[in-house]
């Protein structure tokens, strides 16, 4: 009934996928341990007064995503972004962030879209599938679209690690996403001159 080579290939793919996911989590966790997400050279960030931003936020793990959103909006405004140039929409979970970003790109006049979400590892492989799906989706939007999509998905092993990256001892990933959005808009505009 089962095709043995197919089952074996699927098993091998699953092992490779899970190994890559664990490597990615370990790498991201270690990278943040050496760099506060909110530390940057203010003078190296362009003025965002004329820039238009979309932010898609996951409702799942709202305590974390709310703090990330606050960090992003505060940082955008700190660099001149106007309230009317920051459009915020919510989606139910992190997996829906890709669709939300693609719809904002299609229907709104924006210079960049920031996605904000938080996935915390549980007892099942669901974590791996959500993280990989969002990562692949955002990568595809970046390679096929004209608007930069900024990856603000926190992927952690524990709630404490998420809190550390949402305004805790390691800073706020929302701040980093805002700075990245401003710099990527500036990069895109510099090519159109």
N, C-alpha and C. Protein backbone atom coordinates (compact mmCIF):
# COMPACT_ATOMS: atom_id res chain seq x y z
N UNK A 1 0.81 -1.20 0.00
CA UNK A 1 0.00 0.00 0.00
C UNK A 1 0.86 1.27 0.00
N UNK A 2 1.95 1.28 0.78
CA UNK A 2 2.81 2.44 0.86
C UNK A 2 4.01 2.28 -0.06
N UNK A 3 4.40 3.36 -0.65
CA UNK A 3 5.59 3.37 -1.50
C UNK A 3 6.78 3.61 -0.57
N UNK A 4 7.59 2.57 -0.34
CA UNK A 4 8.69 2.66 0.62
C UNK A 4 9.65 3.81 0.30
N UNK A 5 10.09 3.99 -0.95
CA UNK A 5 10.99 5.12 -1.24
C UNK A 5 10.34 6.47 -0.94
N UNK A 6 9.01 6.57 -1.18
CA UNK A 6 8.32 7.84 -0.89
C UNK A 6 8.29 8.12 0.61
N UNK A 7 7.98 7.09 1.39
CA UNK A 7 7.94 7.24 2.84
C UNK A 7 9.33 7.59 3.35
N UNK A 8 10.34 6.92 2.82
CA UNK A 8 11.71 7.19 3.25
C UNK A 8 12.11 8.62 2.89
N UNK A 9 11.75 9.09 1.70
CA UNK A 9 12.05 10.47 1.29
C UNK A 9 11.35 11.47 2.18
N UNK A 10 10.09 11.20 2.48
CA UNK A 10 9.34 12.09 3.36
C UNK A 10 9.95 12.13 4.75
N UNK A 11 10.36 10.98 5.26
CA UNK A 11 10.99 10.91 6.57
C UNK A 11 12.31 11.71 6.56
N UNK A 12 13.12 11.52 5.51
CA UNK A 12 14.39 12.24 5.40
C UNK A 12 14.15 13.74 5.34
N UNK A 13 13.16 14.18 4.54
CA UNK A 13 12.83 15.60 4.45
C UNK A 13 12.42 16.13 5.82
N UNK A 14 11.59 15.38 6.54
CA UNK A 14 11.12 15.82 7.86
C UNK A 14 12.28 16.00 8.83
N UNK A 15 13.22 15.06 8.81
CA UNK A 15 14.39 15.16 9.69
C UNK A 15 15.22 16.39 9.33
N UNK A 16 15.47 16.60 8.04
CA UNK A 16 16.25 17.76 7.60
C UNK A 16 15.55 19.06 7.97
N UNK A 17 14.23 19.09 7.76
CA UNK A 17 13.45 20.28 8.06
C UNK A 17 13.52 20.62 9.55
N UNK A 18 13.33 19.63 10.40
CA UNK A 18 13.38 19.86 11.85
C UNK A 18 14.78 20.24 12.30
N UNK A 19 15.79 19.65 11.70
CA UNK A 19 17.17 20.00 12.05
C UNK A 19 17.46 21.44 11.68
N UNK A 20 17.01 21.86 10.47
CA UNK A 20 17.21 23.24 10.04
C UNK A 20 16.48 24.20 10.97
N UNK A 21 15.25 23.86 11.35
CA UNK A 21 14.47 24.72 12.24
C UNK A 21 15.18 24.90 13.58
N UNK A 22 15.67 23.81 14.14
CA UNK A 22 16.39 23.90 15.42
C UNK A 22 17.66 24.72 15.28
N UNK A 23 18.38 24.56 14.16
CA UNK A 23 19.58 25.35 13.90
C UNK A 23 19.23 26.83 13.82
N UNK A 24 18.15 27.15 13.09
CA UNK A 24 17.73 28.53 12.93
C UNK A 24 17.38 29.15 14.28
N UNK A 25 16.63 28.45 15.09
CA UNK A 25 16.25 28.96 16.42
C UNK A 25 17.49 29.20 17.27
N UNK A 26 18.41 28.24 17.28
CA UNK A 26 19.63 28.37 18.07
C UNK A 26 20.45 29.56 17.58
N UNK A 27 20.57 29.72 16.27
CA UNK A 27 21.35 30.81 15.71
C UNK A 27 20.73 32.15 16.06
N UNK A 28 19.40 32.27 15.90
CA UNK A 28 18.74 33.53 16.20
C UNK A 28 18.81 33.85 17.69
N UNK A 29 18.65 32.84 18.52
CA UNK A 29 18.74 33.05 19.96
C UNK A 29 20.13 33.53 20.34
N UNK A 30 21.14 32.89 19.79
CA UNK A 30 22.52 33.26 20.12
C UNK A 30 22.86 34.64 19.57
N UNK A 31 22.41 34.96 18.34
CA UNK A 31 22.72 36.26 17.75
C UNK A 31 22.16 37.39 18.60
N UNK A 32 20.96 37.24 19.09
CA UNK A 32 20.34 38.28 19.91
C UNK A 32 21.02 38.40 21.26
N UNK A 33 21.58 37.33 21.75
CA UNK A 33 22.25 37.37 23.05
C UNK A 33 23.44 38.32 23.04
N UNK A 34 23.99 38.61 21.86
CA UNK A 34 25.15 39.48 21.76
C UNK A 34 24.82 40.88 21.26
N UNK A 35 23.53 41.13 21.01
CA UNK A 35 23.15 42.43 20.45
C UNK A 35 21.78 42.82 20.98
N UNK A 36 21.70 43.99 21.60
CA UNK A 36 20.40 44.49 22.06
C UNK A 36 19.63 44.99 20.85
N UNK A 37 18.42 44.51 20.66
CA UNK A 37 17.62 44.82 19.48
C UNK A 37 17.27 46.29 19.37
N UNK A 38 17.35 47.03 20.46
CA UNK A 38 16.98 48.44 20.46
C UNK A 38 18.18 49.38 20.35
N UNK A 39 19.37 48.83 20.31
CA UNK A 39 20.58 49.66 20.20
C UNK A 39 20.91 49.92 18.73
N UNK A 40 21.00 51.19 18.37
CA UNK A 40 21.40 51.56 17.01
C UNK A 40 21.88 53.00 17.02
N UNK A 41 22.56 53.38 15.96
CA UNK A 41 23.05 54.75 15.80
C UNK A 41 21.93 55.59 15.20
N UNK A 42 21.33 56.44 16.01
CA UNK A 42 20.18 57.25 15.59
C UNK A 42 20.51 58.04 14.33
N UNK A 43 21.72 58.58 14.26
CA UNK A 43 22.08 59.44 13.13
C UNK A 43 22.25 58.67 11.82
N UNK A 44 22.32 57.35 11.89
CA UNK A 44 22.48 56.55 10.67
C UNK A 44 21.14 56.21 10.01
N UNK A 45 20.04 56.64 10.63
CA UNK A 45 18.71 56.30 10.13
C UNK A 45 18.14 57.50 9.37
N UNK A 46 17.72 57.28 8.12
CA UNK A 46 17.16 58.38 7.33
C UNK A 46 15.87 58.92 7.94
N UNK A 47 15.48 60.12 7.52
CA UNK A 47 14.24 60.73 7.96
C UNK A 47 13.07 59.99 7.31
N UNK A 48 12.07 59.63 8.10
CA UNK A 48 10.93 58.84 7.61
C UNK A 48 9.68 59.68 7.37
N UNK A 49 9.83 61.00 7.35
CA UNK A 49 8.68 61.89 7.27
C UNK A 49 7.80 61.64 6.04
N UNK A 50 8.37 61.30 4.91
CA UNK A 50 7.60 61.09 3.68
C UNK A 50 7.30 59.62 3.41
N UNK A 51 7.70 58.74 4.29
CA UNK A 51 7.54 57.30 4.07
C UNK A 51 6.19 56.81 4.59
N UNK A 52 5.66 55.78 3.89
CA UNK A 52 4.38 55.18 4.28
C UNK A 52 4.60 53.71 4.65
N UNK A 53 4.10 53.34 5.82
CA UNK A 53 4.35 52.02 6.38
C UNK A 53 3.05 51.26 6.61
N UNK A 54 3.08 49.97 6.32
CA UNK A 54 2.02 49.07 6.72
C UNK A 54 2.58 48.13 7.77
N UNK A 55 1.80 47.84 8.78
CA UNK A 55 2.21 46.88 9.81
C UNK A 55 1.10 45.85 9.96
N UNK A 56 1.45 44.58 9.77
CA UNK A 56 0.50 43.48 9.95
C UNK A 56 0.91 42.77 11.24
N UNK A 57 -0.02 42.68 12.18
CA UNK A 57 0.28 42.14 13.51
C UNK A 57 -0.59 40.92 13.80
N UNK A 58 0.04 39.87 14.28
CA UNK A 58 -0.68 38.66 14.69
C UNK A 58 -1.34 38.90 16.05
N UNK A 59 -2.58 38.45 16.17
CA UNK A 59 -3.29 38.54 17.46
C UNK A 59 -2.83 37.46 18.43
N UNK A 60 -2.22 36.39 17.91
CA UNK A 60 -1.77 35.29 18.75
C UNK A 60 -0.57 35.76 19.57
N UNK A 61 -0.50 35.41 20.84
CA UNK A 61 0.53 35.90 21.77
C UNK A 61 0.51 37.43 21.82
N UNK A 62 -0.70 37.95 22.01
CA UNK A 62 -0.95 39.40 21.93
C UNK A 62 -0.10 40.22 22.90
N UNK A 63 0.21 39.68 24.05
CA UNK A 63 1.06 40.42 25.00
C UNK A 63 2.40 40.75 24.35
N UNK A 64 2.94 39.79 23.63
CA UNK A 64 4.24 39.98 22.97
C UNK A 64 4.09 40.84 21.72
N UNK A 65 3.12 40.48 20.86
CA UNK A 65 2.99 41.22 19.61
C UNK A 65 2.56 42.68 19.85
N UNK A 66 1.79 42.91 20.91
CA UNK A 66 1.42 44.29 21.25
C UNK A 66 2.64 45.12 21.64
N UNK A 67 3.53 44.52 22.41
CA UNK A 67 4.77 45.22 22.80
C UNK A 67 5.66 45.47 21.59
N UNK A 68 5.73 44.50 20.67
CA UNK A 68 6.52 44.67 19.46
C UNK A 68 5.95 45.79 18.59
N UNK A 69 4.62 45.81 18.48
CA UNK A 69 3.94 46.87 17.71
C UNK A 69 4.23 48.23 18.31
N UNK A 70 4.11 48.35 19.63
CA UNK A 70 4.41 49.63 20.30
C UNK A 70 5.84 50.08 20.00
N UNK A 71 6.78 49.13 20.06
CA UNK A 71 8.18 49.47 19.76
C UNK A 71 8.35 49.96 18.34
N UNK A 72 7.71 49.28 17.39
CA UNK A 72 7.84 49.66 15.98
C UNK A 72 7.25 51.05 15.73
N UNK A 73 6.04 51.28 16.21
CA UNK A 73 5.38 52.56 15.97
C UNK A 73 6.14 53.71 16.64
N UNK A 74 6.56 53.51 17.87
CA UNK A 74 7.32 54.55 18.58
C UNK A 74 8.60 54.90 17.84
N UNK A 75 9.30 53.88 17.35
CA UNK A 75 10.56 54.11 16.63
C UNK A 75 10.31 54.79 15.29
N UNK A 76 9.27 54.39 14.57
CA UNK A 76 8.96 55.06 13.30
C UNK A 76 8.70 56.55 13.54
N UNK A 77 7.90 56.86 14.56
CA UNK A 77 7.58 58.25 14.86
C UNK A 77 8.81 59.03 15.32
N UNK A 78 9.68 58.36 16.06
CA UNK A 78 10.92 58.99 16.52
C UNK A 78 11.76 59.48 15.33
N UNK A 79 11.59 58.82 14.20
CA UNK A 79 12.36 59.17 13.00
C UNK A 79 11.53 59.93 11.97
N UNK A 80 10.40 60.50 12.42
CA UNK A 80 9.66 61.43 11.59
C UNK A 80 8.40 60.90 10.93
N UNK A 81 8.11 59.61 11.05
CA UNK A 81 6.90 59.07 10.41
C UNK A 81 5.65 59.71 11.01
N UNK A 82 4.70 60.01 10.16
CA UNK A 82 3.46 60.64 10.59
C UNK A 82 2.42 59.56 10.90
N UNK A 83 1.53 59.84 11.85
CA UNK A 83 0.46 58.90 12.22
C UNK A 83 -0.32 58.43 10.99
N UNK A 84 -0.66 59.39 10.11
CA UNK A 84 -1.47 59.04 8.94
C UNK A 84 -0.72 58.18 7.92
N UNK A 85 0.58 58.04 8.09
CA UNK A 85 1.40 57.22 7.19
C UNK A 85 1.78 55.87 7.80
N UNK A 86 1.10 55.51 8.89
CA UNK A 86 1.32 54.20 9.51
C UNK A 86 -0.03 53.49 9.57
N UNK A 87 -0.18 52.46 8.72
CA UNK A 87 -1.42 51.70 8.65
C UNK A 87 -1.21 50.37 9.37
N UNK A 88 -2.05 50.08 10.36
CA UNK A 88 -1.92 48.86 11.17
C UNK A 88 -3.15 47.98 10.96
N UNK A 89 -2.90 46.71 10.65
CA UNK A 89 -3.96 45.72 10.50
C UNK A 89 -3.58 44.47 11.29
N UNK A 90 -4.57 43.75 11.77
CA UNK A 90 -4.31 42.52 12.52
C UNK A 90 -4.80 41.31 11.74
N UNK A 91 -4.13 40.19 12.01
CA UNK A 91 -4.54 38.88 11.48
C UNK A 91 -4.59 37.93 12.67
N UNK A 92 -5.34 36.82 12.57
CA UNK A 92 -5.51 35.93 13.72
C UNK A 92 -4.21 35.31 14.25
N UNK A 93 -3.36 34.84 13.37
CA UNK A 93 -2.15 34.16 13.82
C UNK A 93 -0.96 34.49 12.94
N UNK A 94 0.19 33.93 13.29
CA UNK A 94 1.41 34.23 12.55
C UNK A 94 1.39 33.67 11.13
N UNK A 95 0.75 32.53 10.94
CA UNK A 95 0.72 31.94 9.60
C UNK A 95 0.02 32.87 8.61
N UNK A 96 -0.91 33.67 9.09
CA UNK A 96 -1.67 34.59 8.24
C UNK A 96 -0.92 35.88 7.92
N UNK A 97 0.24 36.08 8.50
CA UNK A 97 1.00 37.30 8.25
C UNK A 97 1.37 37.48 6.78
N UNK A 98 1.71 36.39 6.11
CA UNK A 98 2.10 36.48 4.70
C UNK A 98 0.94 36.99 3.86
N UNK A 99 -0.25 36.43 4.07
CA UNK A 99 -1.43 36.89 3.32
C UNK A 99 -1.72 38.35 3.64
N UNK A 100 -1.67 38.70 4.92
CA UNK A 100 -1.92 40.08 5.31
C UNK A 100 -0.95 41.04 4.63
N UNK A 101 0.32 40.68 4.61
CA UNK A 101 1.32 41.54 3.96
C UNK A 101 1.06 41.64 2.46
N UNK A 102 0.72 40.53 1.83
CA UNK A 102 0.48 40.57 0.38
C UNK A 102 -0.73 41.43 0.04
N UNK A 103 -1.77 41.38 0.87
CA UNK A 103 -2.95 42.20 0.63
C UNK A 103 -2.65 43.68 0.84
N UNK A 104 -1.86 44.00 1.84
CA UNK A 104 -1.47 45.40 2.05
C UNK A 104 -0.66 45.91 0.87
N UNK A 105 0.23 45.07 0.36
CA UNK A 105 1.05 45.46 -0.79
C UNK A 105 0.18 45.71 -2.02
N UNK A 106 -0.87 44.91 -2.18
CA UNK A 106 -1.72 45.02 -3.36
C UNK A 106 -2.70 46.19 -3.29
N UNK A 107 -3.27 46.44 -2.12
CA UNK A 107 -4.38 47.38 -2.02
C UNK A 107 -4.05 48.72 -1.35
N UNK A 108 -2.86 48.86 -0.80
CA UNK A 108 -2.50 50.10 -0.11
C UNK A 108 -1.24 50.69 -0.75
N UNK A 109 -1.17 51.99 -0.76
CA UNK A 109 0.03 52.64 -1.27
C UNK A 109 1.03 52.77 -0.12
N UNK A 110 1.95 51.81 -0.06
CA UNK A 110 2.91 51.75 1.03
C UNK A 110 4.33 51.65 0.47
N UNK A 111 5.28 52.09 1.28
CA UNK A 111 6.69 51.98 0.90
C UNK A 111 7.35 50.76 1.53
N UNK A 112 6.78 50.24 2.61
CA UNK A 112 7.27 49.02 3.26
C UNK A 112 6.17 48.43 4.12
N UNK A 113 6.25 47.13 4.33
CA UNK A 113 5.33 46.43 5.22
C UNK A 113 6.16 45.71 6.28
N UNK A 114 5.77 45.85 7.52
CA UNK A 114 6.41 45.14 8.63
C UNK A 114 5.44 44.07 9.11
N UNK A 115 5.92 42.84 9.22
CA UNK A 115 5.08 41.80 9.81
C UNK A 115 5.55 41.58 11.24
N UNK A 116 4.60 41.42 12.15
CA UNK A 116 4.92 41.22 13.56
C UNK A 116 4.15 40.01 14.09
N UNK A 117 4.89 39.06 14.62
CA UNK A 117 4.27 37.86 15.17
C UNK A 117 5.17 37.22 16.20
N UNK A 118 4.64 36.22 16.88
CA UNK A 118 5.41 35.51 17.90
C UNK A 118 4.95 34.06 17.93
N UNK A 119 5.89 33.16 17.71
CA UNK A 119 5.61 31.73 17.78
C UNK A 119 6.53 31.13 18.84
N UNK A 120 5.94 30.48 19.82
CA UNK A 120 6.70 29.87 20.92
C UNK A 120 6.62 28.36 20.78
N UNK A 121 7.75 27.71 20.83
CA UNK A 121 7.82 26.27 20.61
C UNK A 121 6.98 25.53 21.65
N UNK A 122 6.22 24.57 21.16
CA UNK A 122 5.41 23.73 22.03
C UNK A 122 5.86 22.28 21.94
N UNK A 123 4.95 21.38 22.19
CA UNK A 123 5.27 19.95 22.20
C UNK A 123 5.10 19.26 20.84
N UNK A 124 4.57 20.00 19.85
CA UNK A 124 4.31 19.38 18.55
C UNK A 124 5.11 20.09 17.46
N UNK A 125 5.19 19.51 16.28
CA UNK A 125 5.93 20.14 15.18
C UNK A 125 5.22 21.35 14.57
N UNK A 126 4.05 21.70 15.07
CA UNK A 126 3.30 22.86 14.56
C UNK A 126 4.20 24.09 14.50
N UNK A 127 4.99 24.32 15.51
CA UNK A 127 5.93 25.45 15.58
C UNK A 127 6.80 25.50 14.32
N UNK A 128 7.37 24.36 13.96
CA UNK A 128 8.28 24.29 12.82
C UNK A 128 7.57 24.65 11.52
N UNK A 129 6.36 24.13 11.34
CA UNK A 129 5.63 24.38 10.11
C UNK A 129 5.22 25.85 9.99
N UNK A 130 4.76 26.44 11.08
CA UNK A 130 4.37 27.85 11.06
C UNK A 130 5.58 28.72 10.77
N UNK A 131 6.67 28.50 11.48
CA UNK A 131 7.88 29.32 11.28
C UNK A 131 8.40 29.21 9.85
N UNK A 132 8.48 28.00 9.34
CA UNK A 132 9.00 27.81 7.99
C UNK A 132 8.04 28.40 6.96
N UNK A 133 6.74 28.22 7.16
CA UNK A 133 5.77 28.76 6.22
C UNK A 133 5.84 30.28 6.14
N UNK A 134 5.91 30.94 7.29
CA UNK A 134 5.98 32.40 7.30
C UNK A 134 7.30 32.86 6.68
N UNK A 135 8.39 32.21 7.04
CA UNK A 135 9.69 32.59 6.50
C UNK A 135 9.72 32.46 4.99
N UNK A 136 9.23 31.35 4.47
CA UNK A 136 9.19 31.16 3.02
C UNK A 136 8.26 32.16 2.35
N UNK A 137 7.11 32.41 2.97
CA UNK A 137 6.15 33.35 2.41
C UNK A 137 6.69 34.77 2.32
N UNK A 138 7.32 35.22 3.39
CA UNK A 138 7.87 36.58 3.40
C UNK A 138 9.05 36.67 2.43
N UNK A 139 9.86 35.63 2.36
CA UNK A 139 10.96 35.62 1.40
C UNK A 139 10.42 35.74 -0.03
N UNK A 140 9.36 35.01 -0.33
CA UNK A 140 8.77 35.07 -1.66
C UNK A 140 8.23 36.47 -1.96
N UNK A 141 7.56 37.08 -1.00
CA UNK A 141 7.05 38.44 -1.21
C UNK A 141 8.21 39.40 -1.48
N UNK A 142 9.31 39.23 -0.78
CA UNK A 142 10.46 40.11 -0.98
C UNK A 142 11.13 39.91 -2.33
N UNK A 143 11.13 38.70 -2.83
CA UNK A 143 11.81 38.45 -4.10
C UNK A 143 10.93 38.75 -5.31
N UNK A 144 9.61 38.80 -5.12
CA UNK A 144 8.72 39.02 -6.26
C UNK A 144 8.02 40.38 -6.23
N UNK A 145 8.08 41.08 -5.12
CA UNK A 145 7.36 42.35 -5.00
C UNK A 145 8.28 43.55 -5.11
N UNK A 146 7.65 44.72 -5.14
CA UNK A 146 8.38 45.98 -5.23
C UNK A 146 8.46 46.70 -3.89
N UNK A 147 7.81 46.13 -2.88
CA UNK A 147 7.76 46.75 -1.55
C UNK A 147 8.50 45.83 -0.57
N UNK A 148 9.48 46.36 0.18
CA UNK A 148 10.16 45.49 1.15
C UNK A 148 9.21 45.06 2.27
N UNK A 149 9.30 43.78 2.61
CA UNK A 149 8.52 43.23 3.72
C UNK A 149 9.51 42.86 4.81
N UNK A 150 9.35 43.44 5.97
CA UNK A 150 10.30 43.30 7.07
C UNK A 150 9.84 42.19 8.00
N UNK A 151 10.75 41.29 8.29
CA UNK A 151 10.47 40.08 9.07
C UNK A 151 10.55 40.36 10.57
N UNK A 152 9.40 40.46 11.19
CA UNK A 152 9.34 40.71 12.63
C UNK A 152 8.69 39.57 13.38
N UNK A 153 9.00 38.34 12.96
CA UNK A 153 8.46 37.16 13.63
C UNK A 153 9.46 36.68 14.67
N UNK A 154 9.06 36.73 15.93
CA UNK A 154 9.90 36.19 16.99
C UNK A 154 9.61 34.70 17.10
N UNK A 155 10.66 33.90 17.09
CA UNK A 155 10.52 32.44 17.21
C UNK A 155 11.39 32.00 18.38
N UNK A 156 10.75 31.60 19.46
CA UNK A 156 11.50 31.28 20.67
C UNK A 156 11.08 29.94 21.25
N UNK A 157 11.88 29.47 22.17
CA UNK A 157 11.58 28.22 22.88
C UNK A 157 10.66 28.44 24.08
N UNK A 158 10.70 29.65 24.66
CA UNK A 158 9.92 29.92 25.87
C UNK A 158 9.29 31.31 25.82
N UNK A 159 8.29 31.52 26.65
CA UNK A 159 7.67 32.84 26.78
C UNK A 159 8.69 33.84 27.32
N UNK A 160 9.54 33.42 28.21
CA UNK A 160 10.56 34.32 28.76
C UNK A 160 11.47 34.86 27.67
N UNK A 161 11.89 34.00 26.75
CA UNK A 161 12.73 34.45 25.63
C UNK A 161 11.98 35.47 24.78
N UNK A 162 10.69 35.26 24.57
CA UNK A 162 9.89 36.21 23.79
C UNK A 162 9.80 37.55 24.52
N UNK A 163 9.56 37.52 25.81
CA UNK A 163 9.47 38.75 26.60
C UNK A 163 10.79 39.51 26.57
N UNK A 164 11.90 38.78 26.61
CA UNK A 164 13.22 39.42 26.55
C UNK A 164 13.41 40.20 25.26
N UNK A 165 12.74 39.79 24.18
CA UNK A 165 12.88 40.40 22.86
C UNK A 165 11.73 41.36 22.53
N UNK A 166 10.83 41.54 23.46
CA UNK A 166 9.67 42.43 23.26
C UNK A 166 9.70 43.55 24.29
N UNK A 167 10.86 44.15 24.45
CA UNK A 167 11.02 45.25 25.39
C UNK A 167 11.71 44.85 26.67
N UNK A 168 12.16 43.60 26.75
CA UNK A 168 12.86 43.12 27.94
C UNK A 168 14.36 43.37 27.85
N UNK A 169 15.12 42.51 28.50
CA UNK A 169 16.56 42.74 28.63
C UNK A 169 17.33 42.72 27.31
N UNK A 170 16.74 42.17 26.25
CA UNK A 170 17.41 42.14 24.95
C UNK A 170 16.87 43.20 23.99
N UNK A 171 16.05 44.11 24.50
CA UNK A 171 15.51 45.18 23.66
C UNK A 171 14.16 44.81 23.07
N UNK A 172 13.83 45.45 21.95
CA UNK A 172 12.53 45.25 21.33
C UNK A 172 12.72 45.02 19.83
N UNK A 173 12.34 43.86 19.36
CA UNK A 173 12.44 43.51 17.95
C UNK A 173 11.62 44.48 17.09
N UNK A 174 10.58 45.06 17.66
CA UNK A 174 9.79 46.05 16.93
C UNK A 174 10.63 47.26 16.56
N UNK A 175 11.50 47.70 17.46
CA UNK A 175 12.41 48.81 17.16
C UNK A 175 13.28 48.46 15.95
N UNK A 176 13.86 47.27 16.00
CA UNK A 176 14.75 46.82 14.92
C UNK A 176 14.00 46.75 13.59
N UNK A 177 12.77 46.28 13.61
CA UNK A 177 11.97 46.19 12.39
C UNK A 177 11.69 47.57 11.80
N UNK A 178 11.37 48.53 12.66
CA UNK A 178 11.11 49.89 12.19
C UNK A 178 12.35 50.48 11.52
N UNK A 179 13.50 50.32 12.14
CA UNK A 179 14.75 50.83 11.58
C UNK A 179 15.03 50.15 10.24
N UNK A 180 14.83 48.85 10.19
CA UNK A 180 15.06 48.10 8.95
C UNK A 180 14.13 48.59 7.85
N UNK A 181 12.86 48.83 8.18
CA UNK A 181 11.90 49.33 7.18
C UNK A 181 12.34 50.67 6.62
N UNK A 182 12.72 51.58 7.51
CA UNK A 182 13.17 52.91 7.06
C UNK A 182 14.39 52.79 6.14
N UNK A 183 15.34 51.97 6.55
CA UNK A 183 16.56 51.84 5.75
C UNK A 183 16.30 51.13 4.41
N UNK A 184 15.38 50.18 4.40
CA UNK A 184 15.08 49.50 3.14
C UNK A 184 14.31 50.40 2.18
N UNK A 185 13.45 51.25 2.70
CA UNK A 185 12.78 52.23 1.84
C UNK A 185 13.82 53.17 1.25
N UNK A 186 14.71 53.67 2.09
CA UNK A 186 15.77 54.55 1.62
C UNK A 186 16.62 53.87 0.56
N UNK A 187 16.92 52.59 0.76
CA UNK A 187 17.70 51.82 -0.21
C UNK A 187 16.94 51.76 -1.54
N UNK A 188 15.66 51.41 -1.50
CA UNK A 188 14.87 51.31 -2.73
C UNK A 188 14.77 52.67 -3.44
N UNK A 189 14.53 53.73 -2.68
CA UNK A 189 14.44 55.05 -3.27
C UNK A 189 15.76 55.47 -3.91
N UNK A 190 16.88 55.09 -3.30
CA UNK A 190 18.19 55.48 -3.84
C UNK A 190 18.45 54.84 -5.21
N UNK A 191 17.83 53.70 -5.48
CA UNK A 191 17.99 53.03 -6.77
C UNK A 191 17.12 53.65 -7.85
N UNK A 192 16.07 54.37 -7.44
CA UNK A 192 15.15 54.98 -8.39
C UNK A 192 15.55 56.39 -8.79
N UNK A 193 16.65 56.88 -8.27
CA UNK A 193 17.08 58.25 -8.60
C UNK A 193 17.68 58.32 -9.98
